PDB file of all heavy atoms in Angstrom:
ATOM      1  N   GLY A   1       0.821  -1.207   0.000  1.00  0.00           N
ATOM      2  CA  GLY A   1       0.000   0.000   0.000  1.00  0.00           C
ATOM      3  C   GLY A   1       0.850   1.250   0.000  1.00  0.00           C
ATOM      4  O   GLY A   1       1.998   1.253  -0.465  1.00  0.00           O
ATOM      5  N   ASN A   2       0.309   2.326   0.556  1.00  0.00           N
ATOM      6  CA  ASN A   2       1.020   3.596   0.609  1.00  0.00           C
ATOM      7  C   ASN A   2       1.211   4.031   2.056  1.00  0.00           C
ATOM      8  O   ASN A   2       0.576   3.504   2.971  1.00  0.00           O
ATOM      9  CB  ASN A   2       0.290   4.666  -0.209  1.00  0.00           C
ATOM     10  CG  ASN A   2      -1.173   4.785   0.171  1.00  0.00           C
ATOM     11  OD1 ASN A   2      -1.502   5.146   1.296  1.00  0.00           O
ATOM     12  ND2 ASN A   2      -2.069   4.474  -0.757  1.00  0.00           N
ATOM     13  N   GLN A   3       2.080   5.008   2.246  1.00  0.00           N
ATOM     14  CA  GLN A   3       2.472   5.401   3.592  1.00  0.00           C
ATOM     15  C   GLN A   3       2.564   6.919   3.711  1.00  0.00           C
ATOM     16  O   GLN A   3       3.075   7.596   2.816  1.00  0.00           O
ATOM     17  CB  GLN A   3       3.824   4.766   3.924  1.00  0.00           C
ATOM     18  CG  GLN A   3       4.464   5.240   5.204  1.00  0.00           C
ATOM     19  CD  GLN A   3       5.840   4.654   5.389  1.00  0.00           C
ATOM     20  OE1 GLN A   3       6.051   3.459   5.190  1.00  0.00           O
ATOM     21  NE2 GLN A   3       6.797   5.480   5.758  1.00  0.00           N
ATOM     22  N   ILE A   4       2.088   7.461   4.821  1.00  0.00           N
ATOM     23  CA  ILE A   4       2.207   8.881   5.148  1.00  0.00           C
ATOM     24  C   ILE A   4       2.858   8.990   6.527  1.00  0.00           C
ATOM     25  O   ILE A   4       2.426   8.319   7.472  1.00  0.00           O
ATOM     26  CB  ILE A   4       0.840   9.581   5.154  1.00  0.00           C
ATOM     27  CG1 ILE A   4       0.189   9.508   3.768  1.00  0.00           C
ATOM     28  CG2 ILE A   4       0.984  11.040   5.579  1.00  0.00           C
ATOM     29  CD1 ILE A   4      -1.217  10.087   3.724  1.00  0.00           C
ATOM     30  N   THR A   5       3.894   9.811   6.634  1.00  0.00           N
ATOM     31  CA  THR A   5       4.656   9.915   7.879  1.00  0.00           C
ATOM     32  C   THR A   5       4.910  11.374   8.241  1.00  0.00           C
ATOM     33  O   THR A   5       5.136  12.207   7.364  1.00  0.00           O
ATOM     34  CB  THR A   5       6.021   9.210   7.740  1.00  0.00           C
ATOM     35  OG1 THR A   5       5.824   7.880   7.274  1.00  0.00           O
ATOM     36  CG2 THR A   5       6.757   9.180   9.072  1.00  0.00           C
ATOM     37  N   THR A   6       4.882  11.672   9.530  1.00  0.00           N
ATOM     38  CA  THR A   6       5.337  12.965  10.045  1.00  0.00           C
ATOM     39  C   THR A   6       6.353  12.670  11.142  1.00  0.00           C
ATOM     40  O   THR A   6       6.256  11.657  11.841  1.00  0.00           O
ATOM     41  CB  THR A   6       4.193  13.807  10.624  1.00  0.00           C
ATOM     42  OG1 THR A   6       3.556  13.073  11.673  1.00  0.00           O
ATOM     43  CG2 THR A   6       3.173  14.158   9.551  1.00  0.00           C
ATOM     44  N   GLY A   7       7.350  13.551  11.276  1.00  0.00           N
ATOM     45  CA  GLY A   7       8.375  13.280  12.271  1.00  0.00           C
ATOM     46  C   GLY A   7       9.106  14.529  12.723  1.00  0.00           C
ATOM     47  O   GLY A   7       8.851  15.641  12.239  1.00  0.00           O
ATOM     48  N   LEU A   8      10.018  14.318  13.646  1.00  0.00           N
ATOM     49  CA  LEU A   8      10.769  15.431  14.216  1.00  0.00           C
ATOM     50  C   LEU A   8      12.223  15.018  14.427  1.00  0.00           C
ATOM     51  O   LEU A   8      12.502  13.959  15.004  1.00  0.00           O
ATOM     52  CB  LEU A   8      10.166  15.867  15.553  1.00  0.00           C
ATOM     53  CG  LEU A   8      10.905  16.986  16.303  1.00  0.00           C
ATOM     54  CD1 LEU A   8      10.823  18.293  15.516  1.00  0.00           C
ATOM     55  CD2 LEU A   8      10.328  17.168  17.704  1.00  0.00           C
ATOM     56  N   ILE A   9      13.124  15.862  13.962  1.00  0.00           N
ATOM     57  CA  ILE A   9      14.548  15.676  14.201  1.00  0.00           C
ATOM     58  C   ILE A   9      14.940  16.555  15.388  1.00  0.00           C
ATOM     59  O   ILE A   9      14.798  17.775  15.335  1.00  0.00           O
ATOM     60  CB  ILE A   9      15.379  16.056  12.962  1.00  0.00           C
ATOM     61  CG1 ILE A   9      14.960  15.226  11.751  1.00  0.00           C
ATOM     62  CG2 ILE A   9      16.860  15.869  13.253  1.00  0.00           C
ATOM     63  CD1 ILE A   9      15.617  15.665  10.457  1.00  0.00           C
ATOM     64  N   ASP A  10      15.441  15.939  16.450  1.00  0.00           N
ATOM     65  CA  ASP A  10      15.890  16.685  17.625  1.00  0.00           C
ATOM     66  C   ASP A  10      17.401  16.882  17.502  1.00  0.00           C
ATOM     67  O   ASP A  10      18.177  15.938  17.693  1.00  0.00           O
ATOM     68  CB  ASP A  10      15.543  15.914  18.901  1.00  0.00           C
ATOM     69  CG  ASP A  10      15.781  16.736  20.151  1.00  0.00           C
ATOM     70  OD1 ASP A  10      16.704  17.572  20.143  1.00  0.00           O
ATOM     71  OD2 ASP A  10      15.051  16.542  21.143  1.00  0.00           O
ATOM     72  N   PHE A  11      17.803  18.109  17.183  1.00  0.00           N
ATOM     73  CA  PHE A  11      19.222  18.379  16.971  1.00  0.00           C
ATOM     74  C   PHE A  11      19.994  18.468  18.284  1.00  0.00           C
ATOM     75  O   PHE A  11      21.223  18.573  18.273  1.00  0.00           O
ATOM     76  CB  PHE A  11      19.391  19.665  16.164  1.00  0.00           C
ATOM     77  CG  PHE A  11      18.864  19.562  14.758  1.00  0.00           C
ATOM     78  CD1 PHE A  11      17.667  20.168  14.394  1.00  0.00           C
ATOM     79  CD2 PHE A  11      19.554  18.837  13.794  1.00  0.00           C
ATOM     80  CE1 PHE A  11      17.179  20.072  13.094  1.00  0.00           C
ATOM     81  CE2 PHE A  11      19.077  18.724  12.499  1.00  0.00           C
ATOM     82  CZ  PHE A  11      17.884  19.341  12.140  1.00  0.00           C
ATOM     83  N   ASN A  12      19.298  18.446  19.403  1.00  0.00           N
ATOM     84  CA  ASN A  12      19.966  18.444  20.714  1.00  0.00           C
ATOM     85  C   ASN A  12      20.338  17.028  21.153  1.00  0.00           C
ATOM     86  O   ASN A  12      21.431  16.786  21.666  1.00  0.00           O
ATOM     87  CB  ASN A  12      19.086  19.105  21.770  1.00  0.00           C
ATOM     88  CG  ASN A  12      18.871  20.591  21.506  1.00  0.00           C
ATOM     89  OD1 ASN A  12      19.802  21.312  21.152  1.00  0.00           O
ATOM     90  ND2 ASN A  12      17.633  21.041  21.673  1.00  0.00           N
ATOM     91  N   THR A  13      19.405  16.103  20.961  1.00  0.00           N
ATOM     92  CA  THR A  13      19.646  14.711  21.362  1.00  0.00           C
ATOM     93  C   THR A  13      20.085  13.832  20.189  1.00  0.00           C
ATOM     94  O   THR A  13      20.459  12.672  20.388  1.00  0.00           O
ATOM     95  CB  THR A  13      18.369  14.106  21.969  1.00  0.00           C
ATOM     96  OG1 THR A  13      17.326  14.099  20.972  1.00  0.00           O
ATOM     97  CG2 THR A  13      17.911  14.912  23.176  1.00  0.00           C
ATOM     98  N   PHE A  14      19.992  14.386  18.963  1.00  0.00           N
ATOM     99  CA  PHE A  14      20.332  13.638  17.746  1.00  0.00           C
ATOM    100  C   PHE A  14      19.485  12.372  17.619  1.00  0.00           C
ATOM    101  O   PHE A  14      19.980  11.323  17.221  1.00  0.00           O
ATOM    102  CB  PHE A  14      21.829  13.288  17.715  1.00  0.00           C
ATOM    103  CG  PHE A  14      22.703  14.491  17.547  1.00  0.00           C
ATOM    104  CD1 PHE A  14      23.317  15.065  18.647  1.00  0.00           C
ATOM    105  CD2 PHE A  14      22.893  15.065  16.304  1.00  0.00           C
ATOM    106  CE1 PHE A  14      24.126  16.182  18.504  1.00  0.00           C
ATOM    107  CE2 PHE A  14      23.703  16.190  16.154  1.00  0.00           C
ATOM    108  CZ  PHE A  14      24.317  16.754  17.261  1.00  0.00           C
ATOM    109  N   ASN A  15      18.209  12.517  17.939  1.00  0.00           N
ATOM    110  CA  ASN A  15      17.245  11.436  17.755  1.00  0.00           C
ATOM    111  C   ASN A  15      16.190  11.849  16.738  1.00  0.00           C
ATOM    112  O   ASN A  15      15.834  13.028  16.642  1.00  0.00           O
ATOM    113  CB  ASN A  15      16.553  11.077  19.072  1.00  0.00           C
ATOM    114  CG  ASN A  15      17.435  10.210  19.953  1.00  0.00           C
ATOM    115  OD1 ASN A  15      18.225   9.405  19.460  1.00  0.00           O
ATOM    116  ND2 ASN A  15      17.305  10.370  21.267  1.00  0.00           N
ATOM    117  N   VAL A  16      15.710  10.888  16.004  1.00  0.00           N
ATOM    118  CA  VAL A  16      14.638  11.111  15.037  1.00  0.00           C
ATOM    119  C   VAL A  16      13.438  10.278  15.466  1.00  0.00           C
ATOM    120  O   VAL A  16      13.539   9.056  15.611  1.00  0.00           O
ATOM    121  CB  VAL A  16      15.068  10.708  13.610  1.00  0.00           C
ATOM    122  CG1 VAL A  16      13.932  10.978  12.626  1.00  0.00           C
ATOM    123  CG2 VAL A  16      16.324  11.445  13.188  1.00  0.00           C
ATOM    124  N   THR A  17      12.310  10.937  15.683  1.00  0.00           N
ATOM    125  CA  THR A  17      11.068  10.228  16.017  1.00  0.00           C
ATOM    126  C   THR A  17      10.049  10.490  14.916  1.00  0.00           C
ATOM    127  O   THR A  17       9.981  11.596  14.365  1.00  0.00           O
ATOM    128  CB  THR A  17      10.500  10.686  17.370  1.00  0.00           C
ATOM    129  OG1 THR A  17      10.261  12.095  17.323  1.00  0.00           O
ATOM    130  CG2 THR A  17      11.470  10.371  18.494  1.00  0.00           C
ATOM    131  N   SER A  18       9.263   9.497  14.607  1.00  0.00           N
ATOM    132  CA  SER A  18       8.250   9.653  13.559  1.00  0.00           C
ATOM    133  C   SER A  18       7.078   8.728  13.822  1.00  0.00           C
ATOM    134  O   SER A  18       7.186   7.739  14.564  1.00  0.00           O
ATOM    135  CB  SER A  18       8.842   9.364  12.174  1.00  0.00           C
ATOM    136  OG  SER A  18       9.321   8.034  12.116  1.00  0.00           O
ATOM    137  N   SER A  19       5.965   9.040  13.208  1.00  0.00           N
ATOM    138  CA  SER A  19       4.769   8.192  13.277  1.00  0.00           C
ATOM    139  C   SER A  19       3.983   8.392  11.993  1.00  0.00           C
ATOM    140  O   SER A  19       4.142   9.393  11.297  1.00  0.00           O
ATOM    141  CB  SER A  19       3.905   8.548  14.489  1.00  0.00           C
ATOM    142  OG  SER A  19       3.465   9.889  14.407  1.00  0.00           O
ATOM    143  N   GLY A  20       3.147   7.426  11.695  1.00  0.00           N
ATOM    144  CA  GLY A  20       2.395   7.553  10.456  1.00  0.00           C
ATOM    145  C   GLY A  20       1.372   6.461  10.263  1.00  0.00           C
ATOM    146  O   GLY A  20       1.086   5.670  11.169  1.00  0.00           O
ATOM    147  N   THR A  21       0.859   6.422   9.051  1.00  0.00           N
ATOM    148  CA  THR A  21      -0.220   5.500   8.693  1.00  0.00           C
ATOM    149  C   THR A  21       0.105   4.787   7.394  1.00  0.00           C
ATOM    150  O   THR A  21       0.579   5.404   6.434  1.00  0.00           O
ATOM    151  CB  THR A  21      -1.553   6.253   8.525  1.00  0.00           C
ATOM    152  OG1 THR A  21      -1.854   6.946   9.738  1.00  0.00           O
ATOM    153  CG2 THR A  21      -2.680   5.288   8.212  1.00  0.00           C
ATOM    154  N   VAL A  22      -0.144   3.489   7.384  1.00  0.00           N
ATOM    155  CA  VAL A  22      -0.035   2.683   6.167  1.00  0.00           C
ATOM    156  C   VAL A  22      -1.441   2.286   5.743  1.00  0.00           C
ATOM    157  O   VAL A  22      -2.208   1.735   6.543  1.00  0.00           O
ATOM    158  CB  VAL A  22       0.812   1.417   6.400  1.00  0.00           C
ATOM    159  CG1 VAL A  22       0.803   0.533   5.155  1.00  0.00           C
ATOM    160  CG2 VAL A  22       2.232   1.790   6.787  1.00  0.00           C
ATOM    161  N   THR A  23      -1.793   2.589   4.514  1.00  0.00           N
ATOM    162  CA  THR A  23      -3.102   2.217   3.974  1.00  0.00           C
ATOM    163  C   THR A  23      -2.898   1.155   2.898  1.00  0.00           C
ATOM    164  O   THR A  23      -2.228   1.404   1.883  1.00  0.00           O
ATOM    165  CB  THR A  23      -3.823   3.431   3.368  1.00  0.00           C
ATOM    166  OG1 THR A  23      -3.963   4.440   4.369  1.00  0.00           O
ATOM    167  CG2 THR A  23      -5.199   3.039   2.840  1.00  0.00           C
ATOM    168  N   PHE A  24      -3.459  -0.011   3.113  1.00  0.00           N
ATOM    169  CA  PHE A  24      -3.253  -1.111   2.176  1.00  0.00           C
ATOM    170  C   PHE A  24      -4.224  -1.032   1.005  1.00  0.00           C
ATOM    171  O   PHE A  24      -5.419  -0.785   1.184  1.00  0.00           O
ATOM    172  CB  PHE A  24      -3.384  -2.457   2.882  1.00  0.00           C
ATOM    173  CG  PHE A  24      -2.278  -2.709   3.859  1.00  0.00           C
ATOM    174  CD1 PHE A  24      -2.534  -2.727   5.224  1.00  0.00           C
ATOM    175  CD2 PHE A  24      -0.980  -2.890   3.432  1.00  0.00           C
ATOM    176  CE1 PHE A  24      -1.524  -2.937   6.134  1.00  0.00           C
ATOM    177  CE2 PHE A  24       0.050  -3.093   4.336  1.00  0.00           C
ATOM    178  CZ  PHE A  24      -0.221  -3.117   5.684  1.00  0.00           C
ATOM    179  N   THR A  25      -3.684  -1.273  -0.180  1.00  0.00           N
ATOM    180  CA  THR A  25      -4.478  -1.243  -1.405  1.00  0.00           C
ATOM    181  C   THR A  25      -4.566  -2.609  -2.076  1.00  0.00           C
ATOM    182  O   THR A  25      -5.228  -2.758  -3.095  1.00  0.00           O
ATOM    183  CB  THR A  25      -3.880  -0.234  -2.400  1.00  0.00           C
ATOM    184  OG1 THR A  25      -2.504  -0.588  -2.661  1.00  0.00           O
ATOM    185  CG2 THR A  25      -3.917   1.177  -1.830  1.00  0.00           C
ATOM    186  N   GLY A  26      -3.889  -3.589  -1.504  1.00  0.00           N
ATOM    187  CA  GLY A  26      -3.940  -4.925  -2.087  1.00  0.00           C
ATOM    188  C   GLY A  26      -2.964  -5.863  -1.409  1.00  0.00           C
ATOM    189  O   GLY A  26      -2.341  -5.540  -0.409  1.00  0.00           O
ATOM    190  N   GLY A  27      -2.834  -7.056  -1.995  1.00  0.00           N
ATOM    191  CA  GLY A  27      -1.932  -8.052  -1.445  1.00  0.00           C
ATOM    192  C   GLY A  27      -1.795  -9.206  -2.418  1.00  0.00           C
ATOM    193  O   GLY A  27      -2.333  -9.185  -3.528  1.00  0.00           O
ATOM    194  N   SER A  28      -1.043 -10.215  -2.006  1.00  0.00           N
ATOM    195  CA  SER A  28      -0.863 -11.398  -2.844  1.00  0.00           C
ATOM    196  C   SER A  28      -0.991 -12.640  -1.984  1.00  0.00           C
ATOM    197  O   SER A  28      -0.984 -12.576  -0.749  1.00  0.00           O
ATOM    198  CB  SER A  28       0.513 -11.363  -3.520  1.00  0.00           C
ATOM    199  OG  SER A  28       1.553 -11.373  -2.548  1.00  0.00           O
ATOM    200  N   GLY A  29      -1.084 -13.794  -2.646  1.00  0.00           N
ATOM    201  CA  GLY A  29      -1.265 -15.049  -1.915  1.00  0.00           C
ATOM    202  C   GLY A  29      -2.589 -15.069  -1.188  1.00  0.00           C
ATOM    203  O   GLY A  29      -3.624 -14.696  -1.752  1.00  0.00           O
ATOM    204  N   GLN A  30      -2.582 -15.448   0.069  1.00  0.00           N
ATOM    205  CA  GLN A  30      -3.820 -15.516   0.842  1.00  0.00           C
ATOM    206  C   GLN A  30      -4.359 -14.126   1.195  1.00  0.00           C
ATOM    207  O   GLN A  30      -5.467 -14.000   1.711  1.00  0.00           O
ATOM    208  CB  GLN A  30      -3.609 -16.331   2.114  1.00  0.00           C
ATOM    209  CG  GLN A  30      -2.642 -15.725   3.102  1.00  0.00           C
ATOM    210  CD  GLN A  30      -2.561 -16.506   4.397  1.00  0.00           C
ATOM    211  OE1 GLN A  30      -3.577 -17.021   4.883  1.00  0.00           O
ATOM    212  NE2 GLN A  30      -1.358 -16.631   4.949  1.00  0.00           N
ATOM    213  N   PHE A  31      -3.565 -13.068   0.931  1.00  0.00           N
ATOM    214  CA  PHE A  31      -3.993 -11.711   1.235  1.00  0.00           C
ATOM    215  C   PHE A  31      -4.366 -10.923  -0.027  1.00  0.00           C
ATOM    216  O   PHE A  31      -4.345  -9.692  -0.034  1.00  0.00           O
ATOM    217  CB  PHE A  31      -2.892 -10.973   1.991  1.00  0.00           C
ATOM    218  CG  PHE A  31      -2.445 -11.665   3.242  1.00  0.00           C
ATOM    219  CD1 PHE A  31      -1.100 -11.819   3.521  1.00  0.00           C
ATOM    220  CD2 PHE A  31      -3.373 -12.200   4.122  1.00  0.00           C
ATOM    221  CE1 PHE A  31      -0.681 -12.468   4.673  1.00  0.00           C
ATOM    222  CE2 PHE A  31      -2.969 -12.858   5.269  1.00  0.00           C
ATOM    223  CZ  PHE A  31      -1.622 -12.993   5.549  1.00  0.00           C
ATOM    224  N   GLU A  32      -4.700 -11.626  -1.083  1.00  0.00           N
ATOM    225  CA  GLU A  32      -5.069 -10.971  -2.336  1.00  0.00           C
ATOM    226  C   GLU A  32      -6.265 -10.035  -2.125  1.00  0.00           C
ATOM    227  O   GLU A  32      -7.220 -10.375  -1.452  1.00  0.00           O
ATOM    228  CB  GLU A  32      -5.410 -12.019  -3.396  1.00  0.00           C
ATOM    229  CG  GLU A  32      -5.684 -11.439  -4.766  1.00  0.00           C
ATOM    230  CD  GLU A  32      -5.938 -12.504  -5.815  1.00  0.00           C
ATOM    231  OE1 GLU A  32      -5.911 -13.707  -5.457  1.00  0.00           O
ATOM    232  OE2 GLU A  32      -6.166 -12.146  -6.979  1.00  0.00           O
ATOM    233  N   ASN A  33      -6.165  -8.832  -2.703  1.00  0.00           N
ATOM    234  CA  ASN A  33      -7.213  -7.806  -2.606  1.00  0.00           C
ATOM    235  C   ASN A  33      -7.451  -7.335  -1.171  1.00  0.00           C
ATOM    236  O   ASN A  33      -8.545  -6.864  -0.841  1.00  0.00           O
ATOM    237  CB  ASN A  33      -8.527  -8.310  -3.208  1.00  0.00           C
ATOM    238  CG  ASN A  33      -8.397  -8.660  -4.678  1.00  0.00           C
ATOM    239  OD1 ASN A  33      -7.720  -7.962  -5.432  1.00  0.00           O
ATOM    240  ND2 ASN A  33      -9.036  -9.741  -5.101  1.00  0.00           N
ATOM    241  N   ALA A  34      -6.455  -7.443  -0.333  1.00  0.00           N
ATOM    242  CA  ALA A  34      -6.604  -7.021   1.066  1.00  0.00           C
ATOM    243  C   ALA A  34      -6.717  -5.502   1.175  1.00  0.00           C
ATOM    244  O   ALA A  34      -6.181  -4.753   0.358  1.00  0.00           O
ATOM    245  CB  ALA A  34      -5.416  -7.500   1.887  1.00  0.00           C
ATOM    246  N   THR A  35      -7.427  -5.060   2.187  1.00  0.00           N
ATOM    247  CA  THR A  35      -7.513  -3.646   2.533  1.00  0.00           C
ATOM    248  C   THR A  35      -7.289  -3.525   4.040  1.00  0.00           C
ATOM    249  O   THR A  35      -7.416  -4.502   4.776  1.00  0.00           O
ATOM    250  CB  THR A  35      -8.881  -3.045   2.176  1.00  0.00           C
ATOM    251  OG1 THR A  35      -9.911  -3.783   2.871  1.00  0.00           O
ATOM    252  CG2 THR A  35      -9.144  -3.112   0.673  1.00  0.00           C
ATOM    253  N   GLY A  36      -6.957  -2.338   4.485  1.00  0.00           N
ATOM    254  CA  GLY A  36      -6.762  -2.163   5.917  1.00  0.00           C
ATOM    255  C   GLY A  36      -5.839  -1.011   6.220  1.00  0.00           C
ATOM    256  O   GLY A  36      -5.351  -0.325   5.314  1.00  0.00           O
ATOM    257  N   THR A  37      -5.575  -0.803   7.501  1.00  0.00           N
ATOM    258  CA  THR A  37      -4.748   0.316   7.950  1.00  0.00           C
ATOM    259  C   THR A  37      -3.857  -0.103   9.106  1.00  0.00           C
ATOM    260  O   THR A  37      -4.321  -0.751  10.048  1.00  0.00           O
ATOM    261  CB  THR A  37      -5.630   1.503   8.397  1.00  0.00           C
ATOM    262  OG1 THR A  37      -6.487   1.898   7.321  1.00  0.00           O
ATOM    263  CG2 THR A  37      -4.760   2.687   8.796  1.00  0.00           C
ATOM    264  N   PHE A  38      -2.582   0.231   9.005  1.00  0.00           N
ATOM    265  CA  PHE A  38      -1.641   0.076  10.111  1.00  0.00           C
ATOM    266  C   PHE A  38      -1.194   1.465  10.563  1.00  0.00           C
ATOM    267  O   PHE A  38      -1.084   2.382   9.745  1.00  0.00           O
ATOM    268  CB  PHE A  38      -0.388  -0.697   9.686  1.00  0.00           C
ATOM    269  CG  PHE A  38      -0.578  -2.175   9.500  1.00  0.00           C
ATOM    270  CD1 PHE A  38       0.482  -2.970   9.079  1.00  0.00           C
ATOM    271  CD2 PHE A  38      -1.801  -2.791   9.725  1.00  0.00           C
ATOM    272  CE1 PHE A  38       0.328  -4.327   8.894  1.00  0.00           C
ATOM    273  CE2 PHE A  38      -1.974  -4.147   9.547  1.00  0.00           C
ATOM    274  CZ  PHE A  38      -0.894  -4.924   9.123  1.00  0.00           C
ATOM    275  N   THR A  39      -0.931   1.617  11.836  1.00  0.00           N
ATOM    276  CA  THR A  39      -0.251   2.804  12.343  1.00  0.00           C
ATOM    277  C   THR A  39       1.112   2.368  12.872  1.00  0.00           C
ATOM    278  O   THR A  39       1.290   1.213  13.261  1.00  0.00           O
ATOM    279  CB  THR A  39      -1.051   3.496  13.456  1.00  0.00           C
ATOM    280  OG1 THR A  39      -1.260   2.579  14.531  1.00  0.00           O
ATOM    281  CG2 THR A  39      -2.399   3.985  12.924  1.00  0.00           C
ATOM    282  N   PHE A  40       2.052   3.291  12.881  1.00  0.00           N
ATOM    283  CA  PHE A  40       3.382   2.920  13.337  1.00  0.00           C
ATOM    284  C   PHE A  40       4.061   4.109  14.011  1.00  0.00           C
ATOM    285  O   PHE A  40       3.724   5.275  13.776  1.00  0.00           O
ATOM    286  CB  PHE A  40       4.246   2.426  12.167  1.00  0.00           C
ATOM    287  CG  PHE A  40       4.540   3.473  11.126  1.00  0.00           C
ATOM    288  CD1 PHE A  40       5.659   4.294  11.226  1.00  0.00           C
ATOM    289  CD2 PHE A  40       3.692   3.649  10.049  1.00  0.00           C
ATOM    290  CE1 PHE A  40       5.925   5.262  10.275  1.00  0.00           C
ATOM    291  CE2 PHE A  40       3.946   4.618   9.090  1.00  0.00           C
ATOM    292  CZ  PHE A  40       5.064   5.431   9.205  1.00  0.00           C
ATOM    293  N   SER A  41       5.019   3.802  14.849  1.00  0.00           N
ATOM    294  CA  SER A  41       5.886   4.806  15.466  1.00  0.00           C
ATOM    295  C   SER A  41       7.314   4.308  15.352  1.00  0.00           C
ATOM    296  O   SER A  41       7.567   3.099  15.455  1.00  0.00           O
ATOM    297  CB  SER A  41       5.501   5.050  16.927  1.00  0.00           C
ATOM    298  OG  SER A  41       5.619   3.860  17.679  1.00  0.00           O
ATOM    299  N   GLN A  42       8.232   5.222  15.124  1.00  0.00           N
ATOM    300  CA  GLN A  42       9.604   4.826  14.841  1.00  0.00           C
ATOM    301  C   GLN A  42      10.582   5.761  15.539  1.00  0.00           C
ATOM    302  O   GLN A  42      10.373   6.968  15.593  1.00  0.00           O
ATOM    303  CB  GLN A  42       9.828   4.846  13.326  1.00  0.00           C
ATOM    304  CG  GLN A  42      11.165   4.324  12.860  1.00  0.00           C
ATOM    305  CD  GLN A  42      11.198   4.161  11.349  1.00  0.00           C
ATOM    306  OE1 GLN A  42      10.219   3.714  10.741  1.00  0.00           O
ATOM    307  NE2 GLN A  42      12.306   4.528  10.740  1.00  0.00           N
ATOM    308  N   VAL A  43      11.659   5.190  16.074  1.00  0.00           N
ATOM    309  CA  VAL A  43      12.717   5.962  16.734  1.00  0.00           C
ATOM    310  C   VAL A  43      14.060   5.497  16.184  1.00  0.00           C
ATOM    311  O   VAL A  43      14.301   4.284  16.061  1.00  0.00           O
ATOM    312  CB  VAL A  43      12.692   5.779  18.259  1.00  0.00           C
ATOM    313  CG1 VAL A  43      13.811   6.584  18.909  1.00  0.00           C
ATOM    314  CG2 VAL A  43      11.344   6.204  18.831  1.00  0.00           C
ATOM    315  N   GLN A  44      14.915   6.460  15.862  1.00  0.00           N
ATOM    316  CA  GLN A  44      16.240   6.109  15.374  1.00  0.00           C
ATOM    317  C   GLN A  44      17.210   7.253  15.637  1.00  0.00           C
ATOM    318  O   GLN A  44      16.803   8.420  15.721  1.00  0.00           O
ATOM    319  CB  GLN A  44      16.196   5.802  13.867  1.00  0.00           C
ATOM    320  CG  GLN A  44      15.722   6.970  13.028  1.00  0.00           C
ATOM    321  CD  GLN A  44      15.213   6.545  11.663  1.00  0.00           C
ATOM    322  OE1 GLN A  44      14.478   5.566  11.544  1.00  0.00           O
ATOM    323  NE2 GLN A  44      15.629   7.264  10.635  1.00  0.00           N
ATOM    324  N   PRO A  45      18.489   6.966  15.799  1.00  0.00           N
ATOM    325  CA  PRO A  45      19.480   8.021  16.025  1.00  0.00           C
ATOM    326  C   PRO A  45      19.778   8.770  14.724  1.00  0.00           C
ATOM    327  O   PRO A  45      19.626   8.232  13.624  1.00  0.00           O
ATOM    328  CB  PRO A  45      20.702   7.254  16.523  1.00  0.00           C
ATOM    329  CG  PRO A  45      20.556   5.897  15.919  1.00  0.00           C
ATOM    330  CD  PRO A  45      19.084   5.623  15.880  1.00  0.00           C
ATOM    331  N   LEU A  46      20.198   9.998  14.841  1.00  0.00           N
ATOM    332  CA  LEU A  46      20.510  10.834  13.689  1.00  0.00           C
ATOM    333  C   LEU A  46      22.010  10.810  13.429  1.00  0.00           C
ATOM    334  O   LEU A  46      22.819  10.914  14.357  1.00  0.00           O
ATOM    335  CB  LEU A  46      20.060  12.276  13.938  1.00  0.00           C
ATOM    336  CG  LEU A  46      20.460  13.316  12.879  1.00  0.00           C
ATOM    337  CD1 LEU A  46      19.754  13.024  11.568  1.00  0.00           C
ATOM    338  CD2 LEU A  46      20.139  14.726  13.364  1.00  0.00           C
TER     339      LEU A  46
END
């Protein structure tokens, strides 16, 4: 599917935090024609 993300770079701590939404438009195998939504949060060093 597709993904939309917003995030923030903290130049003091050199950490990157982000969150977003994944919207599914399809799939393959047993998930053919799947639809749905995932949310996610992510942390990583800069």
